[in-house]
Amino acid sequence: MSRRRIVSLLLGSLGLAMLGLAGCSLTPPVAPTPSFDSVATADTFKRRLTFMPDDASQPSQTLIGLIRIADHELRAVLLTPYGQRLVTLVNDAEGSRYLAGDVPQATLEERLPVPADWLASRLQWSLWPVAALRDAFAGSAWSIAVEGESRIIRHHGKVMARITPASASADTRQDVLLDDRQGRYRLHITPLEEATS
């Protein structure tokens, strides 16, 4: 093999490696997962989730979430406002993923244009106690601070999200607004009346 051919192969391999590394740096970082044991409730609770993109040309999307935090997992069945099961979000030791619902993939992507990791971490930031998030973030590039009436989530010192009120948690029935600077979305979480038997 000629010297020119070897140099070309080496440069091509180096270029592919650098392209792969550049792609990794463009992937949004995923925050450490807090302990599931730190959430006070094991009951399923019902919330309205309204996704409001910063881009005014994109419509807001409203879903109903049946959320359960127990047995070392977060599970959220996401329904359309009409009760059709869109997808189930699962976050556990294996990571975050969506399980298929009752709608075609195109409808899912239109109604829920966010990755599973994004939604799982934003629910954790909004429903877990501040102390649990602080423990999870310890020793990582992530941090949480309470400033005024809000929780501020940072990655390498850069604000990723602001959650209001700071006292938000799974065991309280209150409106929560997550202003996500990384994803350019606002997520409004509203308690819904629970069914009575």
N, C-alpha and C. Protein backbone atom coordinates (compact mmCIF):
# COMPACT_ATOMS: atom_id res chain seq x y z
N MET A 1 0.85 -1.17 0.00
CA MET A 1 0.00 0.00 0.00
C MET A 1 0.90 1.24 0.00
N SER A 2 0.55 2.21 -0.83
CA SER A 2 1.38 3.41 -0.95
C SER A 2 1.23 4.29 0.29
N ARG A 3 2.24 5.10 0.48
CA ARG A 3 2.26 6.02 1.62
C ARG A 3 1.09 7.01 1.52
N ARG A 4 0.80 7.48 0.34
CA ARG A 4 -0.30 8.42 0.13
C ARG A 4 -1.63 7.77 0.53
N ARG A 5 -1.82 6.51 0.17
CA ARG A 5 -3.05 5.79 0.50
C ARG A 5 -3.18 5.63 2.02
N ILE A 6 -2.10 5.30 2.70
CA ILE A 6 -2.12 5.13 4.16
C ILE A 6 -2.47 6.46 4.84
N VAL A 7 -1.85 7.56 4.37
CA VAL A 7 -2.15 8.87 4.95
C VAL A 7 -3.62 9.22 4.71
N SER A 8 -4.14 8.94 3.52
CA SER A 8 -5.55 9.22 3.23
C SER A 8 -6.48 8.43 4.15
N LEU A 9 -6.16 7.15 4.35
CA LEU A 9 -6.98 6.32 5.25
C LEU A 9 -6.94 6.84 6.69
N LEU A 10 -5.75 7.23 7.15
CA LEU A 10 -5.61 7.75 8.51
C LEU A 10 -6.37 9.06 8.68
N LEU A 11 -6.25 9.95 7.71
CA LEU A 11 -6.97 11.22 7.78
C LEU A 11 -8.48 11.01 7.71
N GLY A 12 -8.91 10.08 6.88
CA GLY A 12 -10.34 9.77 6.79
C GLY A 12 -10.86 9.21 8.11
N SER A 13 -10.11 8.31 8.72
CA SER A 13 -10.52 7.74 10.01
C SER A 13 -10.56 8.80 11.09
N LEU A 14 -9.56 9.67 11.10
CA LEU A 14 -9.51 10.76 12.07
C LEU A 14 -10.72 11.69 11.87
N GLY A 15 -11.05 11.99 10.62
CA GLY A 15 -12.20 12.85 10.32
C GLY A 15 -13.50 12.23 10.81
N LEU A 16 -13.67 10.93 10.58
CA LEU A 16 -14.88 10.25 11.06
C LEU A 16 -14.95 10.26 12.59
N ALA A 17 -13.83 10.04 13.24
CA ALA A 17 -13.81 10.06 14.71
C ALA A 17 -14.18 11.44 15.22
N MET A 18 -13.63 12.49 14.61
CA MET A 18 -13.94 13.85 15.05
C MET A 18 -15.41 14.18 14.80
N LEU A 19 -15.96 13.71 13.68
CA LEU A 19 -17.38 13.94 13.39
C LEU A 19 -18.24 13.26 14.44
N GLY A 20 -17.87 12.04 14.83
CA GLY A 20 -18.60 11.33 15.87
C GLY A 20 -18.55 12.06 17.20
N LEU A 21 -17.37 12.57 17.55
CA LEU A 21 -17.24 13.32 18.80
C LEU A 21 -18.01 14.63 18.75
N ALA A 22 -18.03 15.28 17.61
CA ALA A 22 -18.79 16.52 17.48
C ALA A 22 -20.28 16.24 17.65
N GLY A 23 -20.75 15.13 17.10
CA GLY A 23 -22.15 14.75 17.27
C GLY A 23 -22.50 14.51 18.73
N CYS A 24 -21.57 13.91 19.48
CA CYS A 24 -21.81 13.67 20.90
C CYS A 24 -21.93 14.98 21.65
N SER A 25 -21.14 15.97 21.28
CA SER A 25 -21.18 17.23 22.01
C SER A 25 -22.44 18.02 21.69
N LEU A 26 -23.11 17.71 20.57
CA LEU A 26 -24.34 18.40 20.22
C LEU A 26 -25.56 17.76 20.88
N THR A 27 -25.40 16.54 21.40
CA THR A 27 -26.50 15.86 22.06
C THR A 27 -26.75 16.54 23.41
N PRO A 28 -28.02 16.89 23.69
CA PRO A 28 -28.30 17.53 24.98
C PRO A 28 -27.88 16.62 26.13
N PRO A 29 -27.25 17.19 27.15
CA PRO A 29 -26.81 16.37 28.28
C PRO A 29 -28.00 15.88 29.09
N VAL A 30 -27.87 14.70 29.67
CA VAL A 30 -28.92 14.11 30.50
C VAL A 30 -28.47 14.21 31.95
N ALA A 31 -29.34 14.74 32.79
CA ALA A 31 -29.02 14.92 34.22
C ALA A 31 -29.07 13.58 34.95
N PRO A 32 -28.31 13.45 36.04
CA PRO A 32 -28.39 12.24 36.87
C PRO A 32 -29.81 12.06 37.42
N THR A 33 -30.23 10.83 37.55
CA THR A 33 -31.56 10.51 38.04
C THR A 33 -31.58 10.48 39.57
N PRO A 34 -32.51 11.19 40.19
CA PRO A 34 -32.62 11.15 41.65
C PRO A 34 -33.19 9.82 42.13
N SER A 35 -33.01 9.54 43.39
CA SER A 35 -33.52 8.31 43.99
C SER A 35 -35.05 8.27 43.95
N PHE A 36 -35.61 7.14 43.53
CA PHE A 36 -37.06 7.00 43.50
C PHE A 36 -37.62 6.93 44.92
N ASP A 37 -36.80 6.48 45.87
CA ASP A 37 -37.24 6.37 47.26
C ASP A 37 -37.47 7.73 47.91
N SER A 38 -36.98 8.80 47.30
CA SER A 38 -37.09 10.12 47.92
C SER A 38 -38.42 10.81 47.65
N VAL A 39 -39.28 10.17 46.85
CA VAL A 39 -40.61 10.73 46.57
C VAL A 39 -41.59 10.13 47.56
N ALA A 40 -42.37 10.99 48.20
CA ALA A 40 -43.22 10.58 49.31
C ALA A 40 -44.47 9.79 48.90
N THR A 41 -44.86 9.83 47.63
CA THR A 41 -46.11 9.18 47.24
C THR A 41 -45.87 7.97 46.36
N ALA A 42 -46.69 6.94 46.54
CA ALA A 42 -46.66 5.79 45.64
C ALA A 42 -47.99 5.71 44.89
N ASP A 43 -48.87 6.68 45.12
CA ASP A 43 -50.16 6.72 44.45
C ASP A 43 -49.99 7.22 43.02
N THR A 44 -50.91 6.82 42.17
CA THR A 44 -50.96 7.37 40.82
C THR A 44 -51.67 8.71 40.91
N PHE A 45 -51.09 9.73 40.29
CA PHE A 45 -51.72 11.04 40.30
C PHE A 45 -51.90 11.53 38.87
N LYS A 46 -52.88 12.41 38.71
CA LYS A 46 -53.31 12.86 37.39
C LYS A 46 -52.92 14.32 37.21
N ARG A 47 -52.24 14.64 36.09
CA ARG A 47 -51.82 16.01 35.81
C ARG A 47 -52.08 16.34 34.35
N ARG A 48 -52.42 17.59 34.12
CA ARG A 48 -52.49 18.12 32.74
C ARG A 48 -51.09 18.63 32.43
N LEU A 49 -50.53 18.19 31.32
CA LEU A 49 -49.20 18.62 30.87
C LEU A 49 -49.36 19.45 29.61
N THR A 50 -49.03 20.73 29.68
CA THR A 50 -49.13 21.59 28.50
C THR A 50 -47.73 21.98 28.08
N PHE A 51 -47.36 21.56 26.87
CA PHE A 51 -46.04 21.85 26.30
C PHE A 51 -46.18 23.09 25.43
N MET A 52 -45.45 24.15 25.78
CA MET A 52 -45.55 25.42 25.05
C MET A 52 -44.17 25.76 24.48
N PRO A 53 -43.98 25.56 23.17
CA PRO A 53 -42.67 25.88 22.57
C PRO A 53 -42.42 27.38 22.55
N ASP A 54 -41.16 27.77 22.69
CA ASP A 54 -40.80 29.18 22.57
C ASP A 54 -41.06 29.71 21.17
N ASP A 55 -40.97 28.83 20.18
CA ASP A 55 -41.22 29.19 18.79
C ASP A 55 -42.73 29.39 18.60
N ALA A 56 -43.15 30.63 18.41
CA ALA A 56 -44.58 30.96 18.31
C ALA A 56 -45.26 30.31 17.10
N SER A 57 -44.48 29.85 16.13
CA SER A 57 -45.08 29.21 14.96
C SER A 57 -45.50 27.77 15.25
N GLN A 58 -45.04 27.21 16.38
CA GLN A 58 -45.42 25.86 16.75
C GLN A 58 -46.55 25.91 17.77
N PRO A 59 -47.55 25.03 17.62
CA PRO A 59 -48.68 25.06 18.56
C PRO A 59 -48.33 24.42 19.90
N SER A 60 -49.02 24.84 20.94
CA SER A 60 -48.92 24.18 22.24
C SER A 60 -49.59 22.82 22.14
N GLN A 61 -49.15 21.90 22.98
CA GLN A 61 -49.76 20.56 23.02
C GLN A 61 -50.16 20.28 24.46
N THR A 62 -51.38 19.81 24.67
CA THR A 62 -51.84 19.47 26.00
C THR A 62 -52.13 17.98 26.06
N LEU A 63 -51.58 17.33 27.09
CA LEU A 63 -51.78 15.91 27.32
C LEU A 63 -52.23 15.71 28.76
N ILE A 64 -52.82 14.56 29.02
CA ILE A 64 -53.17 14.17 30.38
C ILE A 64 -52.16 13.11 30.79
N GLY A 65 -51.54 13.28 31.96
CA GLY A 65 -50.56 12.32 32.45
C GLY A 65 -51.07 11.59 33.68
N LEU A 66 -51.07 10.27 33.64
CA LEU A 66 -51.33 9.44 34.81
C LEU A 66 -49.97 8.97 35.28
N ILE A 67 -49.47 9.55 36.37
CA ILE A 67 -48.07 9.41 36.77
C ILE A 67 -47.97 8.59 38.04
N ARG A 68 -47.05 7.63 38.04
CA ARG A 68 -46.81 6.80 39.22
C ARG A 68 -45.30 6.71 39.44
N ILE A 69 -44.89 6.95 40.67
CA ILE A 69 -43.47 6.86 41.04
C ILE A 69 -43.38 5.81 42.14
N ALA A 70 -42.92 4.62 41.77
CA ALA A 70 -42.84 3.52 42.73
C ALA A 70 -41.98 2.40 42.14
N ASP A 71 -41.59 1.48 43.01
CA ASP A 71 -40.85 0.29 42.56
C ASP A 71 -39.66 0.66 41.67
N HIS A 72 -38.95 1.70 42.04
CA HIS A 72 -37.74 2.11 41.33
C HIS A 72 -37.98 2.51 39.89
N GLU A 73 -39.15 3.11 39.64
CA GLU A 73 -39.40 3.62 38.30
C GLU A 73 -40.41 4.76 38.34
N LEU A 74 -40.30 5.60 37.33
CA LEU A 74 -41.30 6.62 37.02
C LEU A 74 -42.03 6.10 35.80
N ARG A 75 -43.36 6.05 35.90
CA ARG A 75 -44.18 5.59 34.77
C ARG A 75 -45.27 6.63 34.56
N ALA A 76 -45.37 7.15 33.35
CA ALA A 76 -46.39 8.15 33.03
C ALA A 76 -47.13 7.72 31.77
N VAL A 77 -48.40 7.39 31.94
CA VAL A 77 -49.25 7.09 30.78
C VAL A 77 -49.75 8.44 30.28
N LEU A 78 -49.46 8.76 29.03
CA LEU A 78 -49.83 10.05 28.45
C LEU A 78 -50.99 9.86 27.50
N LEU A 79 -52.07 10.60 27.78
CA LEU A 79 -53.30 10.50 27.02
C LEU A 79 -53.58 11.81 26.29
N THR A 80 -54.27 11.72 25.18
CA THR A 80 -54.77 12.94 24.54
C THR A 80 -55.87 13.50 25.44
N PRO A 81 -56.26 14.75 25.25
CA PRO A 81 -57.37 15.29 26.05
C PRO A 81 -58.67 14.51 25.89
N TYR A 82 -58.77 13.68 24.86
CA TYR A 82 -59.97 12.87 24.61
C TYR A 82 -59.86 11.48 25.20
N GLY A 83 -58.72 11.17 25.86
CA GLY A 83 -58.56 9.90 26.53
C GLY A 83 -57.86 8.82 25.74
N GLN A 84 -57.39 9.11 24.53
CA GLN A 84 -56.67 8.12 23.74
C GLN A 84 -55.25 8.02 24.25
N ARG A 85 -54.77 6.77 24.48
CA ARG A 85 -53.41 6.58 25.01
C ARG A 85 -52.40 6.85 23.91
N LEU A 86 -51.61 7.90 24.13
CA LEU A 86 -50.60 8.31 23.17
C LEU A 86 -49.35 7.44 23.31
N VAL A 87 -48.86 7.33 24.55
CA VAL A 87 -47.62 6.63 24.81
C VAL A 87 -47.47 6.47 26.32
N THR A 88 -46.59 5.57 26.74
CA THR A 88 -46.24 5.45 28.16
C THR A 88 -44.76 5.75 28.29
N LEU A 89 -44.43 6.71 29.15
CA LEU A 89 -43.03 7.04 29.45
C LEU A 89 -42.60 6.16 30.61
N VAL A 90 -41.47 5.48 30.47
CA VAL A 90 -40.89 4.69 31.55
C VAL A 90 -39.48 5.20 31.79
N ASN A 91 -39.17 5.48 33.06
CA ASN A 91 -37.82 5.87 33.46
C ASN A 91 -37.44 4.97 34.63
N ASP A 92 -36.36 4.18 34.46
CA ASP A 92 -35.92 3.26 35.50
C ASP A 92 -34.41 3.07 35.38
N ALA A 93 -33.88 2.02 35.97
CA ALA A 93 -32.43 1.78 35.95
C ALA A 93 -31.90 1.59 34.53
N GLU A 94 -32.76 1.25 33.59
CA GLU A 94 -32.33 1.04 32.20
C GLU A 94 -32.38 2.32 31.38
N GLY A 95 -32.82 3.43 31.98
CA GLY A 95 -32.91 4.69 31.25
C GLY A 95 -34.35 5.09 31.00
N SER A 96 -34.55 5.96 30.03
CA SER A 96 -35.88 6.46 29.69
C SER A 96 -36.26 5.99 28.31
N ARG A 97 -37.55 5.67 28.16
CA ARG A 97 -38.03 5.21 26.86
C ARG A 97 -39.55 5.38 26.80
N TYR A 98 -40.05 5.42 25.59
CA TYR A 98 -41.49 5.45 25.36
C TYR A 98 -41.94 4.04 24.96
N LEU A 99 -43.07 3.60 25.51
CA LEU A 99 -43.71 2.37 25.08
C LEU A 99 -44.90 2.76 24.22
N ALA A 100 -45.10 2.02 23.15
CA ALA A 100 -46.13 2.37 22.16
C ALA A 100 -47.51 2.51 22.78
N GLY A 101 -48.26 3.45 22.23
CA GLY A 101 -49.64 3.67 22.65
C GLY A 101 -50.59 3.23 21.57
N ASP A 102 -51.71 3.96 21.45
CA ASP A 102 -52.77 3.59 20.52
C ASP A 102 -52.80 4.45 19.26
N VAL A 103 -51.75 5.21 19.01
CA VAL A 103 -51.75 6.12 17.87
C VAL A 103 -50.56 5.83 16.95
N PRO A 104 -50.68 6.20 15.67
CA PRO A 104 -49.56 6.02 14.74
C PRO A 104 -48.35 6.88 15.15
N GLN A 105 -47.18 6.47 14.72
CA GLN A 105 -45.93 7.17 15.04
C GLN A 105 -45.99 8.65 14.65
N ALA A 106 -46.57 8.96 13.49
CA ALA A 106 -46.63 10.36 13.04
C ALA A 106 -47.45 11.21 14.02
N THR A 107 -48.54 10.65 14.53
CA THR A 107 -49.36 11.38 15.51
C THR A 107 -48.59 11.58 16.80
N LEU A 108 -47.85 10.55 17.21
CA LEU A 108 -47.04 10.67 18.42
C LEU A 108 -46.02 11.79 18.30
N GLU A 109 -45.31 11.84 17.19
CA GLU A 109 -44.28 12.87 16.99
C GLU A 109 -44.89 14.27 16.92
N GLU A 110 -46.12 14.38 16.40
CA GLU A 110 -46.79 15.67 16.34
C GLU A 110 -47.24 16.12 17.72
N ARG A 111 -47.79 15.20 18.50
CA ARG A 111 -48.35 15.54 19.81
C ARG A 111 -47.29 15.62 20.91
N LEU A 112 -46.20 14.86 20.77
CA LEU A 112 -45.17 14.82 21.80
C LEU A 112 -43.79 14.92 21.15
N PRO A 113 -43.39 16.13 20.78
CA PRO A 113 -42.15 16.31 20.01
C PRO A 113 -40.89 16.39 20.86
N VAL A 114 -40.86 15.66 21.99
CA VAL A 114 -39.69 15.70 22.88
C VAL A 114 -39.21 14.28 23.14
N PRO A 115 -37.90 14.08 23.31
CA PRO A 115 -37.38 12.73 23.60
C PRO A 115 -37.76 12.28 25.01
N ALA A 116 -37.76 10.98 25.23
CA ALA A 116 -38.10 10.40 26.53
C ALA A 116 -37.19 10.90 27.64
N ASP A 117 -35.88 11.01 27.38
CA ASP A 117 -34.95 11.51 28.40
C ASP A 117 -35.32 12.92 28.84
N TRP A 118 -35.69 13.76 27.88
CA TRP A 118 -36.07 15.14 28.19
C TRP A 118 -37.27 15.17 29.12
N LEU A 119 -38.34 14.45 28.74
CA LEU A 119 -39.55 14.48 29.54
C LEU A 119 -39.34 13.88 30.93
N ALA A 120 -38.61 12.76 31.00
CA ALA A 120 -38.37 12.13 32.31
C ALA A 120 -37.61 13.07 33.23
N SER A 121 -36.55 13.71 32.73
CA SER A 121 -35.78 14.60 33.60
C SER A 121 -36.60 15.82 34.01
N ARG A 122 -37.44 16.35 33.12
CA ARG A 122 -38.23 17.53 33.48
C ARG A 122 -39.31 17.18 34.51
N LEU A 123 -39.88 16.00 34.41
CA LEU A 123 -40.83 15.57 35.45
C LEU A 123 -40.11 15.39 36.78
N GLN A 124 -38.91 14.82 36.75
CA GLN A 124 -38.13 14.67 37.99
C GLN A 124 -37.81 16.04 38.59
N TRP A 125 -37.37 16.98 37.77
CA TRP A 125 -37.03 18.31 38.29
C TRP A 125 -38.24 18.99 38.91
N SER A 126 -39.44 18.65 38.43
CA SER A 126 -40.66 19.31 38.89
C SER A 126 -41.36 18.57 40.02
N LEU A 127 -41.11 17.28 40.19
CA LEU A 127 -41.86 16.48 41.15
C LEU A 127 -41.04 15.94 42.32
N TRP A 128 -39.70 15.92 42.20
CA TRP A 128 -38.86 15.43 43.28
C TRP A 128 -38.52 16.57 44.24
N PRO A 129 -38.28 16.27 45.50
CA PRO A 129 -37.85 17.31 46.44
C PRO A 129 -36.48 17.87 46.06
N VAL A 130 -36.24 19.12 46.40
CA VAL A 130 -34.96 19.78 46.09
C VAL A 130 -33.80 18.98 46.65
N ALA A 131 -33.92 18.49 47.88
CA ALA A 131 -32.83 17.75 48.51
C ALA A 131 -32.46 16.50 47.71
N ALA A 132 -33.45 15.80 47.15
CA ALA A 132 -33.18 14.60 46.36
C ALA A 132 -32.44 14.95 45.07
N LEU A 133 -32.82 16.06 44.44
CA LEU A 133 -32.12 16.50 43.23
C LEU A 133 -30.69 16.93 43.56
N ARG A 134 -30.53 17.61 44.68
CA ARG A 134 -29.19 18.04 45.11
C ARG A 134 -28.29 16.82 45.33
N ASP A 135 -28.83 15.78 45.98
CA ASP A 135 -28.07 14.54 46.20
C ASP A 135 -27.71 13.88 44.88
N ALA A 136 -28.65 13.82 43.95
CA ALA A 136 -28.40 13.18 42.65
C ALA A 136 -27.35 13.93 41.85
N PHE A 137 -27.36 15.26 41.94
CA PHE A 137 -26.43 16.08 41.16
C PHE A 137 -25.04 16.17 41.78
N ALA A 138 -24.88 15.77 43.05
CA ALA A 138 -23.60 15.88 43.75
C ALA A 138 -22.49 15.18 42.96
N GLY A 139 -21.38 15.88 42.77
CA GLY A 139 -20.24 15.32 42.07
C GLY A 139 -20.37 15.32 40.56
N SER A 140 -21.42 15.95 40.02
CA SER A 140 -21.60 16.00 38.57
C SER A 140 -21.51 17.45 38.12
N ALA A 141 -21.71 17.67 36.83
CA ALA A 141 -21.70 19.03 36.27
C ALA A 141 -23.04 19.73 36.49
N TRP A 142 -23.99 19.05 37.13
CA TRP A 142 -25.33 19.57 37.37
C TRP A 142 -25.44 20.16 38.76
N SER A 143 -26.30 21.17 38.91
CA SER A 143 -26.55 21.74 40.24
C SER A 143 -27.98 22.26 40.29
N ILE A 144 -28.46 22.43 41.52
CA ILE A 144 -29.78 23.00 41.74
C ILE A 144 -29.66 24.04 42.85
N ALA A 145 -30.37 25.13 42.68
CA ALA A 145 -30.39 26.19 43.69
C ALA A 145 -31.82 26.72 43.79
N VAL A 146 -32.18 27.15 44.97
CA VAL A 146 -33.46 27.82 45.16
C VAL A 146 -33.18 29.30 45.21
N GLU A 147 -33.79 30.03 44.27
CA GLU A 147 -33.62 31.48 44.18
C GLU A 147 -35.01 32.11 44.15
N GLY A 148 -35.34 32.83 45.20
CA GLY A 148 -36.68 33.41 45.30
C GLY A 148 -37.70 32.30 45.38
N GLU A 149 -38.65 32.33 44.48
CA GLU A 149 -39.73 31.33 44.47
C GLU A 149 -39.48 30.21 43.45
N SER A 150 -38.24 30.09 42.94
CA SER A 150 -37.97 29.12 41.87
C SER A 150 -36.80 28.21 42.20
N ARG A 151 -36.82 27.05 41.58
CA ARG A 151 -35.66 26.15 41.54
C ARG A 151 -34.93 26.47 40.24
N ILE A 152 -33.62 26.54 40.31
CA ILE A 152 -32.83 26.77 39.10
C ILE A 152 -31.94 25.55 38.89
N ILE A 153 -32.06 24.92 37.73
CA ILE A 153 -31.23 23.78 37.36
C ILE A 153 -30.14 24.29 36.42
N ARG A 154 -28.90 23.98 36.77
CA ARG A 154 -27.76 24.41 35.94
C ARG A 154 -26.91 23.21 35.52
N HIS A 155 -26.29 23.35 34.38
CA HIS A 155 -25.31 22.38 33.88
C HIS A 155 -24.06 23.17 33.52
N HIS A 156 -22.94 22.87 34.18
CA HIS A 156 -21.70 23.64 34.02
C HIS A 156 -21.94 25.12 34.24
N GLY A 157 -22.82 25.46 35.20
CA GLY A 157 -23.08 26.85 35.54
C GLY A 157 -24.08 27.55 34.63
N LYS A 158 -24.48 26.91 33.54
CA LYS A 158 -25.43 27.51 32.60
C LYS A 158 -26.85 27.10 33.01
N VAL A 159 -27.75 28.09 33.06
CA VAL A 159 -29.14 27.80 33.44
C VAL A 159 -29.79 26.93 32.37
N MET A 160 -30.30 25.78 32.81
CA MET A 160 -31.00 24.87 31.91
C MET A 160 -32.51 25.01 32.07
N ALA A 161 -32.96 25.23 33.32
CA ALA A 161 -34.40 25.34 33.57
C ALA A 161 -34.66 26.08 34.87
N ARG A 162 -35.84 26.69 34.91
CA ARG A 162 -36.35 27.37 36.10
C ARG A 162 -37.72 26.76 36.39
N ILE A 163 -37.90 26.24 37.60
CA ILE A 163 -39.16 25.61 38.00
C ILE A 163 -39.79 26.45 39.10
N THR A 164 -41.05 26.84 38.89
CA THR A 164 -41.78 27.66 39.85
C THR A 164 -43.09 26.97 40.18
N PRO A 165 -43.40 26.80 41.45
CA PRO A 165 -42.70 27.26 42.65
C PRO A 165 -41.58 26.29 43.05
N ALA A 166 -40.70 26.80 43.89
CA ALA A 166 -39.57 25.99 44.37
C ALA A 166 -40.05 24.81 45.22
N SER A 167 -41.21 24.95 45.83
CA SER A 167 -41.74 23.91 46.72
C SER A 167 -42.46 22.78 45.99
N ALA A 168 -42.45 22.80 44.66
CA ALA A 168 -43.17 21.78 43.88
C ALA A 168 -42.70 20.38 44.25
N SER A 169 -43.66 19.46 44.32
CA SER A 169 -43.32 18.05 44.54
C SER A 169 -44.51 17.18 44.16
N ALA A 170 -44.27 15.88 44.07
CA ALA A 170 -45.30 14.94 43.65
C ALA A 170 -46.44 14.87 44.65
N ASP A 171 -46.16 15.15 45.92
CA ASP A 171 -47.20 15.00 46.95
C ASP A 171 -47.97 16.29 47.23
N THR A 172 -47.75 17.33 46.43
CA THR A 172 -48.53 18.55 46.59
C THR A 172 -49.36 18.79 45.34
N ARG A 173 -50.54 19.34 45.53
CA ARG A 173 -51.44 19.64 44.42
C ARG A 173 -51.35 21.12 44.11
N GLN A 174 -50.45 21.47 43.21
CA GLN A 174 -50.30 22.87 42.83
C GLN A 174 -49.82 22.96 41.39
N ASP A 175 -50.09 24.09 40.76
CA ASP A 175 -49.58 24.32 39.41
C ASP A 175 -48.06 24.47 39.47
N VAL A 176 -47.40 23.94 38.46
CA VAL A 176 -45.94 24.05 38.35
C VAL A 176 -45.63 24.53 36.93
N LEU A 177 -44.73 25.49 36.82
CA LEU A 177 -44.28 25.94 35.51
C LEU A 177 -42.78 25.70 35.40
N LEU A 178 -42.39 24.92 34.39
CA LEU A 178 -40.99 24.66 34.11
C LEU A 178 -40.64 25.43 32.85
N ASP A 179 -39.70 26.35 32.97
CA ASP A 179 -39.23 27.15 31.84
C ASP A 179 -37.88 26.56 31.43
N ASP A 180 -37.87 25.80 30.35
CA ASP A 180 -36.69 25.04 29.93
C ASP A 180 -35.90 25.83 28.90
N ARG A 181 -34.76 26.34 29.29
CA ARG A 181 -33.90 27.11 28.38
C ARG A 181 -33.16 26.19 27.43
N GLN A 182 -32.85 24.96 27.83
CA GLN A 182 -32.15 24.02 26.97
C GLN A 182 -33.06 23.56 25.82
N GLY A 183 -34.26 23.15 26.17
CA GLY A 183 -35.17 22.61 25.16
C GLY A 183 -36.03 23.65 24.48
N ARG A 184 -35.99 24.90 24.97
CA ARG A 184 -36.81 25.99 24.44
C ARG A 184 -38.31 25.68 24.51
N TYR A 185 -38.69 25.14 25.65
CA TYR A 185 -40.08 24.82 25.92
C TYR A 185 -40.43 25.31 27.31
N ARG A 186 -41.72 25.55 27.51
CA ARG A 186 -42.27 25.71 28.85
C ARG A 186 -43.22 24.55 29.05
N LEU A 187 -43.18 23.96 30.21
CA LEU A 187 -44.06 22.85 30.55
C LEU A 187 -44.88 23.27 31.75
N HIS A 188 -46.19 23.36 31.55
CA HIS A 188 -47.11 23.73 32.62
C HIS A 188 -47.76 22.45 33.12
N ILE A 189 -47.57 22.14 34.41
CA ILE A 189 -48.11 20.93 35.02
C ILE A 189 -49.22 21.36 35.97
N THR A 190 -50.44 20.90 35.69
CA THR A 190 -51.62 21.31 36.46
C THR A 190 -52.30 20.10 37.08
N PRO A 191 -52.57 20.12 38.38
CA PRO A 191 -53.31 18.99 38.98
C PRO A 191 -54.72 18.90 38.41
N LEU A 192 -55.20 17.68 38.24
CA LEU A 192 -56.57 17.44 37.79
C LEU A 192 -57.31 16.72 38.90
N GLU A 193 -58.62 16.87 38.90
CA GLU A 193 -59.43 16.19 39.92
C GLU A 193 -59.28 14.68 39.77
N GLU A 194 -59.09 14.02 40.89
CA GLU A 194 -58.99 12.56 40.89
C GLU A 194 -60.39 11.98 40.85
N ALA A 195 -60.54 10.84 40.20
CA ALA A 195 -61.85 10.17 40.15
C ALA A 195 -62.22 9.67 41.54
N THR A 196 -63.46 9.82 41.91
CA THR A 196 -63.92 9.30 43.20
C THR A 196 -64.73 8.05 42.96
N SER A 197 -64.65 7.10 43.91
CA SER A 197 -65.39 5.84 43.71
C SER A 197 -66.67 5.82 44.49
